[in-house]
Amino acid sequence: MKLKFAAVGAFALILTACAQQEEPTPVYTQPSYDKSGSPSCPGGYDLATTEAGQTVCNPVGQ
């Protein structure tokens, strides 16, 4: 009987761990703007636009 409860508990633990995984949210940095209003990003980042229309600096490796 104890083995049956242990198996059910392990199965429930595995299901709980798998169900809580979420897709990671990308982390962006804000660009710096010069006097004319042109955005620029530091080295290792590219200028990008999010789905919401925001201008952000996206890491190059993505």
N, C-alpha and C. Protein backbone atom coordinates (compact mmCIF):
# COMPACT_ATOMS: atom_id res chain seq x y z
N MET A 1 0.82 -1.20 0.00
CA MET A 1 0.00 0.00 0.00
C MET A 1 0.87 1.26 0.00
N LYS A 2 1.98 1.23 0.76
CA LYS A 2 2.86 2.39 0.81
C LYS A 2 3.50 2.64 -0.55
N LEU A 3 3.82 1.58 -1.26
CA LEU A 3 4.43 1.71 -2.58
C LEU A 3 3.45 2.38 -3.55
N LYS A 4 2.16 2.04 -3.41
CA LYS A 4 1.15 2.63 -4.27
C LYS A 4 1.03 4.13 -4.01
N PHE A 5 1.03 4.55 -2.74
CA PHE A 5 0.98 5.97 -2.41
C PHE A 5 2.23 6.70 -2.88
N ALA A 6 3.38 6.07 -2.76
CA ALA A 6 4.63 6.68 -3.21
C ALA A 6 4.62 6.88 -4.73
N ALA A 7 4.10 5.91 -5.46
CA ALA A 7 4.03 6.02 -6.92
C ALA A 7 3.06 7.12 -7.33
N VAL A 8 1.92 7.19 -6.69
CA VAL A 8 0.94 8.24 -7.00
C VAL A 8 1.52 9.61 -6.65
N GLY A 9 2.21 9.72 -5.53
CA GLY A 9 2.82 10.98 -5.13
C GLY A 9 3.90 11.43 -6.10
N ALA A 10 4.73 10.48 -6.54
CA ALA A 10 5.78 10.81 -7.51
C ALA A 10 5.18 11.25 -8.83
N PHE A 11 4.12 10.57 -9.28
CA PHE A 11 3.45 10.94 -10.51
C PHE A 11 2.85 12.34 -10.42
N ALA A 12 2.23 12.64 -9.29
CA ALA A 12 1.64 13.97 -9.09
C ALA A 12 2.72 15.05 -9.06
N LEU A 13 3.85 14.75 -8.46
CA LEU A 13 4.96 15.70 -8.41
C LEU A 13 5.49 16.00 -9.80
N ILE A 14 5.62 14.97 -10.62
CA ILE A 14 6.11 15.14 -11.99
C ILE A 14 5.12 15.97 -12.81
N LEU A 15 3.84 15.68 -12.68
CA LEU A 15 2.83 16.45 -13.42
C LEU A 15 2.82 17.91 -12.99
N THR A 16 2.97 18.16 -11.71
CA THR A 16 2.99 19.53 -11.20
C THR A 16 4.20 20.28 -11.74
N ALA A 17 5.34 19.64 -11.76
CA ALA A 17 6.56 20.29 -12.25
C ALA A 17 6.45 20.60 -13.74
N CYS A 18 5.86 19.73 -14.50
CA CYS A 18 5.72 19.95 -15.94
C CYS A 18 4.67 21.01 -16.25
N ALA A 19 3.65 21.09 -15.48
CA ALA A 19 2.55 22.01 -15.75
C ALA A 19 2.92 23.46 -15.46
N GLN A 20 3.89 23.72 -14.63
CA GLN A 20 4.22 25.08 -14.23
C GLN A 20 5.23 25.76 -15.13
N GLN A 21 5.71 25.10 -16.17
CA GLN A 21 6.70 25.71 -17.04
C GLN A 21 6.03 26.75 -17.91
N GLU A 22 6.63 27.92 -17.96
CA GLU A 22 6.12 29.01 -18.79
C GLU A 22 7.23 29.43 -19.75
N GLU A 23 6.82 29.99 -20.85
CA GLU A 23 7.80 30.48 -21.81
C GLU A 23 8.49 31.71 -21.22
N PRO A 24 9.82 31.76 -21.28
CA PRO A 24 10.51 32.90 -20.70
C PRO A 24 10.21 34.20 -21.46
N THR A 25 10.12 35.27 -20.71
CA THR A 25 9.90 36.59 -21.30
C THR A 25 11.25 37.22 -21.62
N PRO A 26 11.45 37.69 -22.85
CA PRO A 26 12.73 38.29 -23.19
C PRO A 26 12.98 39.57 -22.39
N VAL A 27 14.24 39.81 -22.08
CA VAL A 27 14.63 41.00 -21.32
C VAL A 27 15.30 41.96 -22.28
N TYR A 28 14.76 43.14 -22.39
CA TYR A 28 15.30 44.17 -23.27
C TYR A 28 15.87 45.30 -22.44
N THR A 29 16.76 46.08 -23.06
CA THR A 29 17.24 47.31 -22.44
C THR A 29 16.72 48.48 -23.25
N GLN A 30 16.68 49.62 -22.65
CA GLN A 30 16.19 50.81 -23.33
C GLN A 30 17.33 51.46 -24.12
N PRO A 31 17.07 51.89 -25.35
CA PRO A 31 18.12 52.55 -26.14
C PRO A 31 18.39 53.96 -25.61
N SER A 32 19.55 54.47 -25.93
CA SER A 32 19.85 55.86 -25.61
C SER A 32 19.59 56.69 -26.86
N TYR A 33 19.19 57.92 -26.67
CA TYR A 33 18.82 58.80 -27.78
C TYR A 33 19.79 59.97 -27.85
N ASP A 34 20.18 60.34 -29.08
CA ASP A 34 21.04 61.50 -29.23
C ASP A 34 20.18 62.76 -29.31
N LYS A 35 20.81 63.92 -29.56
CA LYS A 35 20.09 65.20 -29.55
C LYS A 35 19.02 65.28 -30.64
N SER A 36 19.22 64.55 -31.73
CA SER A 36 18.23 64.60 -32.81
C SER A 36 17.12 63.57 -32.62
N GLY A 37 17.21 62.75 -31.57
CA GLY A 37 16.16 61.78 -31.26
C GLY A 37 16.37 60.41 -31.88
N SER A 38 17.56 60.16 -32.42
CA SER A 38 17.85 58.86 -33.02
C SER A 38 18.28 57.88 -31.94
N PRO A 39 17.64 56.71 -31.89
CA PRO A 39 18.01 55.72 -30.87
C PRO A 39 19.29 54.98 -31.24
N SER A 40 20.05 54.56 -30.22
CA SER A 40 21.24 53.74 -30.44
C SER A 40 21.39 52.78 -29.26
N CYS A 41 22.03 51.64 -29.54
CA CYS A 41 22.21 50.61 -28.53
C CYS A 41 23.70 50.38 -28.29
N PRO A 42 24.04 49.92 -27.08
CA PRO A 42 25.46 49.62 -26.79
C PRO A 42 25.90 48.38 -27.56
N GLY A 43 27.20 48.10 -27.55
CA GLY A 43 27.75 46.93 -28.22
C GLY A 43 27.12 45.65 -27.71
N GLY A 44 26.84 44.71 -28.61
CA GLY A 44 26.22 43.45 -28.23
C GLY A 44 24.71 43.49 -28.30
N TYR A 45 24.13 44.63 -28.68
CA TYR A 45 22.69 44.78 -28.78
C TYR A 45 22.33 45.36 -30.14
N ASP A 46 21.19 44.94 -30.66
CA ASP A 46 20.64 45.49 -31.90
C ASP A 46 19.36 46.23 -31.59
N LEU A 47 19.07 47.24 -32.37
CA LEU A 47 17.83 47.99 -32.23
C LEU A 47 16.68 47.15 -32.75
N ALA A 48 15.60 47.05 -31.99
CA ALA A 48 14.44 46.24 -32.38
C ALA A 48 13.17 46.95 -31.93
N THR A 49 12.05 46.48 -32.48
CA THR A 49 10.73 47.00 -32.10
C THR A 49 9.89 45.83 -31.59
N THR A 50 9.28 46.00 -30.44
CA THR A 50 8.45 44.94 -29.87
C THR A 50 7.10 44.92 -30.56
N GLU A 51 6.29 43.88 -30.26
CA GLU A 51 4.95 43.77 -30.82
C GLU A 51 4.07 44.94 -30.39
N ALA A 52 4.39 45.52 -29.23
CA ALA A 52 3.62 46.66 -28.72
C ALA A 52 4.07 47.97 -29.35
N GLY A 53 5.12 47.94 -30.19
CA GLY A 53 5.59 49.13 -30.88
C GLY A 53 6.67 49.91 -30.15
N GLN A 54 7.22 49.35 -29.08
CA GLN A 54 8.29 50.03 -28.34
C GLN A 54 9.63 49.78 -29.00
N THR A 55 10.49 50.78 -29.02
CA THR A 55 11.85 50.62 -29.52
C THR A 55 12.72 50.16 -28.35
N VAL A 56 13.42 49.04 -28.55
CA VAL A 56 14.23 48.44 -27.49
C VAL A 56 15.56 47.98 -28.06
N CYS A 57 16.49 47.64 -27.16
CA CYS A 57 17.76 47.04 -27.54
C CYS A 57 17.67 45.55 -27.24
N ASN A 58 17.84 44.73 -28.26
CA ASN A 58 17.72 43.29 -28.16
C ASN A 58 19.11 42.67 -28.17
N PRO A 59 19.43 41.76 -27.26
CA PRO A 59 20.75 41.10 -27.28
C PRO A 59 20.97 40.42 -28.62
N VAL A 60 22.19 40.48 -29.15
CA VAL A 60 22.51 39.97 -30.49
C VAL A 60 22.31 38.47 -30.60
N GLY A 61 22.54 37.69 -29.56
CA GLY A 61 22.47 36.25 -29.63
C GLY A 61 21.08 35.67 -29.79
N GLN A 62 20.01 36.44 -29.86
CA GLN A 62 18.65 35.90 -29.90
C GLN A 62 18.09 35.88 -31.29
